[in-house]
Amino acid sequence: MSTCTRSTTAIVRAGFELTRYADDQVILCRTEREAHAALARLREEMSRCGLTLHAEKTGVVDMSQPGGFDFLGYHFEGNEKRPRRKAS
């Protein structure tokens, strides 16, 4: 098992729900506090692999607020998902 696969496993074992595809991942949390704790843990685990998170693509999103996030070609906002708009 690679170091980074072990890091993903450590996130899940810490009690966070993680969806991952290649180097893209989303961690689902119930509270903002939990989300910030998950992000801190993810940063720690990725650092152990010698990796850093992309600052512009990494953050905490409140799904009850407008804005949402893009993941694997879809835009998620509220309880909806739709194909993401391509950059021009």
PDB file of N, CA and C in Angstrom:
ATOM      1  N   MET A   1       0.854  -1.173   0.000  1.00  0.00           N
ATOM      2  CA  MET A   1       0.000   0.000   0.000  1.00  0.00           C
ATOM      3  C   MET A   1       0.900   1.237   0.000  1.00  0.00           C
ATOM      4  N   SER A   2       0.616   2.171  -0.903  1.00  0.00           N
ATOM      5  CA  SER A   2       1.438   3.375  -0.995  1.00  0.00           C
ATOM      6  C   SER A   2       1.189   4.283   0.207  1.00  0.00           C
ATOM      7  N   THR A   3       2.136   5.185   0.445  1.00  0.00           N
ATOM      8  CA  THR A   3       2.009   6.130   1.547  1.00  0.00           C
ATOM      9  C   THR A   3       0.748   6.966   1.408  1.00  0.00           C
ATOM     10  N   CYS A   4       0.448   7.411   0.181  1.00  0.00           N
ATOM     11  CA  CYS A   4      -0.730   8.268  -0.016  1.00  0.00           C
ATOM     12  C   CYS A   4      -2.027   7.494   0.143  1.00  0.00           C
ATOM     13  N   THR A   5      -2.038   6.232  -0.231  1.00  0.00           N
ATOM     14  CA  THR A   5      -3.229   5.408   0.010  1.00  0.00           C
ATOM     15  C   THR A   5      -3.426   5.233   1.512  1.00  0.00           C
ATOM     16  N   ARG A   6      -2.350   5.056   2.238  1.00  0.00           N
ATOM     17  CA  ARG A   6      -2.447   4.963   3.704  1.00  0.00           C
ATOM     18  C   ARG A   6      -2.960   6.269   4.291  1.00  0.00           C
ATOM     19  N   SER A   7      -2.572   7.390   3.689  1.00  0.00           N
ATOM     20  CA  SER A   7      -3.045   8.689   4.170  1.00  0.00           C
ATOM     21  C   SER A   7      -4.543   8.822   3.990  1.00  0.00           C
ATOM     22  N   THR A   8      -5.064   8.377   2.845  1.00  0.00           N
ATOM     23  CA  THR A   8      -6.508   8.403   2.606  1.00  0.00           C
ATOM     24  C   THR A   8      -7.208   7.512   3.620  1.00  0.00           C
ATOM     25  N   THR A   9      -6.651   6.350   3.871  1.00  0.00           N
ATOM     26  CA  THR A   9      -7.209   5.435   4.861  1.00  0.00           C
ATOM     27  C   THR A   9      -7.214   6.089   6.243  1.00  0.00           C
ATOM     28  N   ALA A  10      -6.174   6.848   6.569  1.00  0.00           N
ATOM     29  CA  ALA A  10      -6.110   7.531   7.864  1.00  0.00           C
ATOM     30  C   ALA A  10      -7.226   8.561   7.997  1.00  0.00           C
ATOM     31  N   ILE A  11      -7.572   9.244   6.918  1.00  0.00           N
ATOM     32  CA  ILE A  11      -8.668  10.215   6.940  1.00  0.00           C
ATOM     33  C   ILE A  11      -9.987   9.500   7.249  1.00  0.00           C
ATOM     34  N   VAL A  12     -10.221   8.383   6.589  1.00  0.00           N
ATOM     35  CA  VAL A  12     -11.454   7.619   6.802  1.00  0.00           C
ATOM     36  C   VAL A  12     -11.481   7.051   8.222  1.00  0.00           C
ATOM     37  N   ARG A  13     -10.372   6.532   8.677  1.00  0.00           N
ATOM     38  CA  ARG A  13     -10.320   5.978  10.040  1.00  0.00           C
ATOM     39  C   ARG A  13     -10.523   7.052  11.097  1.00  0.00           C
ATOM     40  N   ALA A  14     -10.204   8.304  10.750  1.00  0.00           N
ATOM     41  CA  ALA A  14     -10.423   9.417  11.686  1.00  0.00           C
ATOM     42  C   ALA A  14     -11.909   9.777  11.766  1.00  0.00           C
ATOM     43  N   GLY A  15     -12.740   9.098  10.942  1.00  0.00           N
ATOM     44  CA  GLY A  15     -14.180   9.295  11.032  1.00  0.00           C
ATOM     45  C   GLY A  15     -14.769  10.196   9.964  1.00  0.00           C
ATOM     46  N   PHE A  16     -13.963  10.573   8.975  1.00  0.00           N
ATOM     47  CA  PHE A  16     -14.453  11.453   7.916  1.00  0.00           C
ATOM     48  C   PHE A  16     -14.909  10.632   6.720  1.00  0.00           C
ATOM     49  N   GLU A  17     -15.966  11.098   6.054  1.00  0.00           N
ATOM     50  CA  GLU A  17     -16.476  10.431   4.854  1.00  0.00           C
ATOM     51  C   GLU A  17     -15.795  11.051   3.638  1.00  0.00           C
ATOM     52  N   LEU A  18     -15.062  10.242   2.906  1.00  0.00           N
ATOM     53  CA  LEU A  18     -14.238  10.732   1.812  1.00  0.00           C
ATOM     54  C   LEU A  18     -14.651  10.091   0.500  1.00  0.00           C
ATOM     55  N   THR A  19     -14.751  10.908  -0.549  1.00  0.00           N
ATOM     56  CA  THR A  19     -14.951  10.418  -1.908  1.00  0.00           C
ATOM     57  C   THR A  19     -13.710  10.823  -2.684  1.00  0.00           C
ATOM     58  N   ARG A  20     -13.071   9.848  -3.329  1.00  0.00           N
ATOM     59  CA  ARG A  20     -11.810  10.128  -4.015  1.00  0.00           C
ATOM     60  C   ARG A  20     -11.821   9.500  -5.392  1.00  0.00           C
ATOM     61  N   TYR A  21     -11.275  10.237  -6.362  1.00  0.00           N
ATOM     62  CA  TYR A  21     -11.028   9.712  -7.696  1.00  0.00           C
ATOM     63  C   TYR A  21      -9.680  10.254  -8.124  1.00  0.00           C
ATOM     64  N   ALA A  22      -8.705   9.370  -8.284  1.00  0.00           N
ATOM     65  CA  ALA A  22      -7.329   9.759  -8.615  1.00  0.00           C
ATOM     66  C   ALA A  22      -6.842  10.770  -7.577  1.00  0.00           C
ATOM     67  N   ASP A  23      -6.491  11.987  -8.000  1.00  0.00           N
ATOM     68  CA  ASP A  23      -5.989  12.967  -7.035  1.00  0.00           C
ATOM     69  C   ASP A  23      -7.044  13.990  -6.616  1.00  0.00           C
ATOM     70  N   ASP A  24      -8.299  13.735  -6.976  1.00  0.00           N
ATOM     71  CA  ASP A  24      -9.400  14.609  -6.567  1.00  0.00           C
ATOM     72  C   ASP A  24     -10.152  13.958  -5.416  1.00  0.00           C
ATOM     73  N   GLN A  25     -10.529  14.766  -4.430  1.00  0.00           N
ATOM     74  CA  GLN A  25     -11.278  14.205  -3.314  1.00  0.00           C
ATOM     75  C   GLN A  25     -12.181  15.242  -2.675  1.00  0.00           C
ATOM     76  N   VAL A  26     -13.246  14.734  -2.082  1.00  0.00           N
ATOM     77  CA  VAL A  26     -14.204  15.543  -1.333  1.00  0.00           C
ATOM     78  C   VAL A  26     -14.403  14.848   0.005  1.00  0.00           C
ATOM     79  N   ILE A  27     -14.371  15.633   1.072  1.00  0.00           N
ATOM     80  CA  ILE A  27     -14.638  15.100   2.408  1.00  0.00           C
ATOM     81  C   ILE A  27     -15.949  15.718   2.879  1.00  0.00           C
ATOM     82  N   LEU A  28     -16.916  14.879   3.213  1.00  0.00           N
ATOM     83  CA  LEU A  28     -18.227  15.344   3.664  1.00  0.00           C
ATOM     84  C   LEU A  28     -18.243  15.453   5.191  1.00  0.00           C
ATOM     85  N   CYS A  29     -18.725  16.591   5.677  1.00  0.00           N
ATOM     86  CA  CYS A  29     -18.762  16.836   7.122  1.00  0.00           C
ATOM     87  C   CYS A  29     -20.115  17.411   7.499  1.00  0.00           C
ATOM     88  N   ARG A  30     -20.474  17.289   8.754  1.00  0.00           N
ATOM     89  CA  ARG A  30     -21.767  17.790   9.237  1.00  0.00           C
ATOM     90  C   ARG A  30     -21.682  19.233   9.726  1.00  0.00           C
ATOM     91  N   THR A  31     -20.519  19.662  10.190  1.00  0.00           N
ATOM     92  CA  THR A  31     -20.379  21.014  10.726  1.00  0.00           C
ATOM     93  C   THR A  31     -19.153  21.691  10.127  1.00  0.00           C
ATOM     94  N   GLU A  32     -19.129  23.017  10.210  1.00  0.00           N
ATOM     95  CA  GLU A  32     -17.969  23.764   9.727  1.00  0.00           C
ATOM     96  C   GLU A  32     -16.729  23.416  10.553  1.00  0.00           C
ATOM     97  N   ARG A  33     -16.910  23.260  11.833  1.00  0.00           N
ATOM     98  CA  ARG A  33     -15.781  22.897  12.713  1.00  0.00           C
ATOM     99  C   ARG A  33     -15.180  21.555  12.291  1.00  0.00           C
ATOM    100  N   GLU A  34     -16.044  20.588  12.029  1.00  0.00           N
ATOM    101  CA  GLU A  34     -15.585  19.276  11.574  1.00  0.00           C
ATOM    102  C   GLU A  34     -14.871  19.396  10.223  1.00  0.00           C
ATOM    103  N   ALA A  35     -15.392  20.256   9.353  1.00  0.00           N
ATOM    104  CA  ALA A  35     -14.782  20.448   8.032  1.00  0.00           C
ATOM    105  C   ALA A  35     -13.373  21.019   8.163  1.00  0.00           C
ATOM    106  N   HIS A  36     -13.193  21.972   9.033  1.00  0.00           N
ATOM    107  CA  HIS A  36     -11.862  22.554   9.225  1.00  0.00           C
ATOM    108  C   HIS A  36     -10.906  21.534   9.848  1.00  0.00           C
ATOM    109  N   ALA A  37     -11.413  20.702  10.738  1.00  0.00           N
ATOM    110  CA  ALA A  37     -10.582  19.640  11.326  1.00  0.00           C
ATOM    111  C   ALA A  37     -10.185  18.633  10.254  1.00  0.00           C
ATOM    112  N   ALA A  38     -11.113  18.290   9.367  1.00  0.00           N
ATOM    113  CA  ALA A  38     -10.819  17.348   8.283  1.00  0.00           C
ATOM    114  C   ALA A  38      -9.773  17.931   7.334  1.00  0.00           C
ATOM    115  N   LEU A  39      -9.906  19.206   7.021  1.00  0.00           N
ATOM    116  CA  LEU A  39      -8.944  19.859   6.127  1.00  0.00           C
ATOM    117  C   LEU A  39      -7.552  19.890   6.753  1.00  0.00           C
ATOM    118  N   ALA A  40      -7.496  20.186   8.030  1.00  0.00           N
ATOM    119  CA  ALA A  40      -6.202  20.181   8.726  1.00  0.00           C
ATOM    120  C   ALA A  40      -5.583  18.787   8.699  1.00  0.00           C
ATOM    121  N   ARG A  41      -6.399  17.773   8.939  1.00  0.00           N
ATOM    122  CA  ARG A  41      -5.899  16.386   8.924  1.00  0.00           C
ATOM    123  C   ARG A  41      -5.428  16.008   7.524  1.00  0.00           C
ATOM    124  N   LEU A  42      -6.193  16.410   6.502  1.00  0.00           N
ATOM    125  CA  LEU A  42      -5.807  16.117   5.126  1.00  0.00           C
ATOM    126  C   LEU A  42      -4.469  16.774   4.791  1.00  0.00           C
ATOM    127  N   ARG A  43      -4.301  18.024   5.200  1.00  0.00           N
ATOM    128  CA  ARG A  43      -3.019  18.709   4.955  1.00  0.00           C
ATOM    129  C   ARG A  43      -1.860  17.954   5.607  1.00  0.00           C
ATOM    130  N   GLU A  44      -2.071  17.506   6.840  1.00  0.00           N
ATOM    131  CA  GLU A  44      -1.037  16.735   7.550  1.00  0.00           C
ATOM    132  C   GLU A  44      -0.690  15.460   6.796  1.00  0.00           C
ATOM    133  N   GLU A  45      -1.717  14.731   6.395  1.00  0.00           N
ATOM    134  CA  GLU A  45      -1.501  13.449   5.717  1.00  0.00           C
ATOM    135  C   GLU A  45      -0.822  13.653   4.358  1.00  0.00           C
ATOM    136  N   MET A  46      -1.233  14.655   3.608  1.00  0.00           N
ATOM    137  CA  MET A  46      -0.613  14.914   2.301  1.00  0.00           C
ATOM    138  C   MET A  46       0.830  15.368   2.466  1.00  0.00           C
ATOM    139  N   SER A  47       1.100  16.127   3.512  1.00  0.00           N
ATOM    140  CA  SER A  47       2.464  16.568   3.801  1.00  0.00           C
ATOM    141  C   SER A  47       3.375  15.365   4.039  1.00  0.00           C
ATOM    142  N   ARG A  48       2.848  14.344   4.689  1.00  0.00           N
ATOM    143  CA  ARG A  48       3.627  13.120   4.926  1.00  0.00           C
ATOM    144  C   ARG A  48       3.991  12.426   3.625  1.00  0.00           C
ATOM    145  N   CYS A  49       3.196  12.665   2.577  1.00  0.00           N
ATOM    146  CA  CYS A  49       3.483  12.098   1.242  1.00  0.00           C
ATOM    147  C   CYS A  49       4.390  13.013   0.430  1.00  0.00           C
ATOM    148  N   GLY A  50       4.729  14.173   0.987  1.00  0.00           N
ATOM    149  CA  GLY A  50       5.516  15.138   0.247  1.00  0.00           C
ATOM    150  C   GLY A  50       4.678  15.939  -0.735  1.00  0.00           C
ATOM    151  N   LEU A  51       3.357  16.001  -0.483  1.00  0.00           N
ATOM    152  CA  LEU A  51       2.439  16.706  -1.377  1.00  0.00           C
ATOM    153  C   LEU A  51       1.829  17.907  -0.671  1.00  0.00           C
ATOM    154  N   THR A  52       1.359  18.859  -1.469  1.00  0.00           N
ATOM    155  CA  THR A  52       0.614  19.991  -0.927  1.00  0.00           C
ATOM    156  C   THR A  52      -0.725  20.076  -1.650  1.00  0.00           C
ATOM    157  N   LEU A  53      -1.695  20.675  -1.002  1.00  0.00           N
ATOM    158  CA  LEU A  53      -3.014  20.863  -1.596  1.00  0.00           C
ATOM    159  C   LEU A  53      -3.000  22.130  -2.447  1.00  0.00           C
ATOM    160  N   HIS A  54      -3.714  22.114  -3.556  1.00  0.00           N
ATOM    161  CA  HIS A  54      -3.813  23.270  -4.449  1.00  0.00           C
ATOM    162  C   HIS A  54      -4.681  24.322  -3.765  1.00  0.00           C
ATOM    163  N   ALA A  55      -4.096  25.475  -3.437  1.00  0.00           N
ATOM    164  CA  ALA A  55      -4.787  26.507  -2.647  1.00  0.00           C
ATOM    165  C   ALA A  55      -6.087  26.982  -3.298  1.00  0.00           C
ATOM    166  N   GLU A  56      -6.111  27.128  -4.609  1.00  0.00           N
ATOM    167  CA  GLU A  56      -7.311  27.636  -5.281  1.00  0.00           C
ATOM    168  C   GLU A  56      -8.411  26.586  -5.409  1.00  0.00           C
ATOM    169  N   LYS A  57      -8.054  25.309  -5.276  1.00  0.00           N
ATOM    170  CA  LYS A  57      -9.027  24.236  -5.443  1.00  0.00           C
ATOM    171  C   LYS A  57      -9.424  23.595  -4.122  1.00  0.00           C
ATOM    172  N   THR A  58      -8.878  24.102  -3.027  1.00  0.00           N
ATOM    173  CA  THR A  58      -9.094  23.482  -1.716  1.00  0.00           C
ATOM    174  C   THR A  58      -9.785  24.468  -0.793  1.00  0.00           C
ATOM    175  N   GLY A  59     -10.842  24.000  -0.139  1.00  0.00           N
ATOM    176  CA  GLY A  59     -11.518  24.870   0.813  1.00  0.00           C
ATOM    177  C   GLY A  59     -12.719  24.207   1.436  1.00  0.00           C
ATOM    178  N   VAL A  60     -13.349  24.929   2.333  1.00  0.00           N
ATOM    179  CA  VAL A  60     -14.547  24.469   3.016  1.00  0.00           C
ATOM    180  C   VAL A  60     -15.737  25.152   2.359  1.00  0.00           C
ATOM    181  N   VAL A  61     -16.744  24.372   1.978  1.00  0.00           N
ATOM    182  CA  VAL A  61     -17.936  24.888   1.312  1.00  0.00           C
ATOM    183  C   VAL A  61     -19.161  24.532   2.148  1.00  0.00           C
ATOM    184  N   ASP A  62     -19.980  25.526   2.445  1.00  0.00           N
ATOM    185  CA  ASP A  62     -21.240  25.302   3.147  1.00  0.00           C
ATOM    186  C   ASP A  62     -22.301  25.060   2.078  1.00  0.00           C
ATOM    187  N   MET A  63     -22.796  23.850   1.986  1.00  0.00           N
ATOM    188  CA  MET A  63     -23.739  23.489   0.926  1.00  0.00           C
ATOM    189  C   MET A  63     -25.113  24.128   1.103  1.00  0.00           C
ATOM    190  N   SER A  64     -25.366  24.761   2.240  1.00  0.00           N
ATOM    191  CA  SER A  64     -26.638  25.454   2.410  1.00  0.00           C
ATOM    192  C   SER A  64     -26.575  26.885   1.866  1.00  0.00           C
ATOM    193  N   GLN A  65     -25.383  27.304   1.440  1.00  0.00           N
ATOM    194  CA  GLN A  65     -25.180  28.648   0.905  1.00  0.00           C
ATOM    195  C   GLN A  65     -24.954  28.587  -0.604  1.00  0.00           C
ATOM    196  N   PRO A  66     -25.258  29.680  -1.331  1.00  0.00           N
ATOM    197  CA  PRO A  66     -24.996  29.701  -2.774  1.00  0.00           C
ATOM    198  C   PRO A  66     -23.500  29.551  -3.062  1.00  0.00           C
ATOM    199  N   GLY A  67     -23.195  28.982  -4.193  1.00  0.00           N
ATOM    200  CA  GLY A  67     -21.798  28.851  -4.616  1.00  0.00           C
ATOM    201  C   GLY A  67     -21.428  27.437  -4.979  1.00  0.00           C
ATOM    202  N   GLY A  68     -21.574  26.510  -4.047  1.00  0.00           N
ATOM    203  CA  GLY A  68     -21.271  25.107  -4.313  1.00  0.00           C
ATOM    204  C   GLY A  68     -19.814  24.862  -4.664  1.00  0.00           C
ATOM    205  N   PHE A  69     -19.572  23.740  -5.368  1.00  0.00           N
ATOM    206  CA  PHE A  69     -18.217  23.384  -5.770  1.00  0.00           C
ATOM    207  C   PHE A  69     -18.269  22.478  -6.992  1.00  0.00           C
ATOM    208  N   ASP A  70     -17.136  22.408  -7.699  1.00  0.00           N
ATOM    209  CA  ASP A  70     -16.997  21.533  -8.858  1.00  0.00           C
ATOM    210  C   ASP A  70     -16.206  20.301  -8.466  1.00  0.00           C
ATOM    211  N   PHE A  71     -16.639  19.145  -8.985  1.00  0.00           N
ATOM    212  CA  PHE A  71     -15.949  17.888  -8.710  1.00  0.00           C
ATOM    213  C   PHE A  71     -16.238  16.928  -9.850  1.00  0.00           C
ATOM    214  N   LEU A  72     -15.198  16.459 -10.484  1.00  0.00           N
ATOM    215  CA  LEU A  72     -15.285  15.463 -11.554  1.00  0.00           C
ATOM    216  C   LEU A  72     -16.254  15.856 -12.672  1.00  0.00           C
ATOM    217  N   GLY A  73     -16.188  17.115 -13.088  1.00  0.00           N
ATOM    218  CA  GLY A  73     -16.987  17.559 -14.216  1.00  0.00           C
ATOM    219  C   GLY A  73     -18.402  17.973 -13.885  1.00  0.00           C
ATOM    220  N   TYR A  74     -18.753  17.975 -12.604  1.00  0.00           N
ATOM    221  CA  TYR A  74     -20.086  18.395 -12.175  1.00  0.00           C
ATOM    222  C   TYR A  74     -19.967  19.550 -11.200  1.00  0.00           C
ATOM    223  N   HIS A  75     -21.029  20.370 -11.178  1.00  0.00           N
ATOM    224  CA  HIS A  75     -21.127  21.437 -10.194  1.00  0.00           C
ATOM    225  C   HIS A  75     -22.177  21.007  -9.175  1.00  0.00           C
ATOM    226  N   PHE A  76     -21.806  20.981  -7.923  1.00  0.00           N
ATOM    227  CA  PHE A  76     -22.700  20.608  -6.826  1.00  0.00           C
ATOM    228  C   PHE A  76     -23.078  21.866  -6.056  1.00  0.00           C
ATOM    229  N   GLU A  77     -24.385  22.072  -5.894  1.00  0.00           N
ATOM    230  CA  GLU A  77     -24.863  23.236  -5.150  1.00  0.00           C
ATOM    231  C   GLU A  77     -26.193  22.883  -4.509  1.00  0.00           C
ATOM    232  N   GLY A  78     -26.275  23.098  -3.200  1.00  0.00           N
ATOM    233  CA  GLY A  78     -27.486  22.705  -2.473  1.00  0.00           C
ATOM    234  C   GLY A  78     -27.706  21.210  -2.623  1.00  0.00           C
ATOM    235  N   ASN A  79     -28.900  20.824  -3.038  1.00  0.00           N
ATOM    236  CA  ASN A  79     -29.213  19.404  -3.255  1.00  0.00           C
ATOM    237  C   ASN A  79     -29.166  19.025  -4.724  1.00  0.00           C
ATOM    238  N   GLU A  80     -28.533  19.854  -5.537  1.00  0.00           N
ATOM    239  CA  GLU A  80     -28.509  19.611  -6.977  1.00  0.00           C
ATOM    240  C   GLU A  80     -27.096  19.411  -7.493  1.00  0.00           C
ATOM    241  N   LYS A  81     -27.026  18.714  -8.622  1.00  0.00           N
ATOM    242  CA  LYS A  81     -25.767  18.619  -9.355  1.00  0.00           C
ATOM    243  C   LYS A  81     -26.093  18.794 -10.833  1.00  0.00           C
ATOM    244  N   ARG A  82     -25.164  19.382 -11.550  1.00  0.00           N
ATOM    245  CA  ARG A  82     -25.329  19.577 -12.987  1.00  0.00           C
ATOM    246  C   ARG A  82     -23.943  19.565 -13.623  1.00  0.00           C
ATOM    247  N   PRO A  83     -23.876  19.262 -14.933  1.00  0.00           N
ATOM    248  CA  PRO A  83     -22.566  19.335 -15.578  1.00  0.00           C
ATOM    249  C   PRO A  83     -21.977  20.736 -15.383  1.00  0.00           C
ATOM    250  N   ARG A  84     -20.710  20.782 -15.088  1.00  0.00           N
ATOM    251  CA  ARG A  84     -20.061  22.055 -14.834  1.00  0.00           C
ATOM    252  C   ARG A  84     -19.883  22.819 -16.121  1.00  0.00           C
ATOM    253  N   ARG A  85     -19.971  24.134 -16.028  1.00  0.00           N
ATOM    254  CA  ARG A  85     -19.728  24.990 -17.188  1.00  0.00           C
ATOM    255  C   ARG A  85     -18.240  24.980 -17.483  1.00  0.00           C
ATOM    256  N   LYS A  86     -17.916  24.818 -18.760  1.00  0.00           N
ATOM    257  CA  LYS A  86     -16.508  24.794 -19.148  1.00  0.00           C
ATOM    258  C   LYS A  86     -15.982  26.221 -19.238  1.00  0.00           C
ATOM    259  N   ALA A  87     -14.734  26.392 -18.863  1.00  0.00           N
ATOM    260  CA  ALA A  87     -14.092  27.699 -18.946  1.00  0.00           C
ATOM    261  C   ALA A  87     -13.924  28.080 -20.402  1.00  0.00           C
ATOM    262  N   SER A  88     -14.123  29.366 -20.719  1.00  0.00           N
ATOM    263  CA  SER A  88     -13.976  29.792 -22.108  1.00  0.00           C
ATOM    264  C   SER A  88     -12.574  30.219 -22.413  1.00  0.00           C
TER     265      SER A  88
END
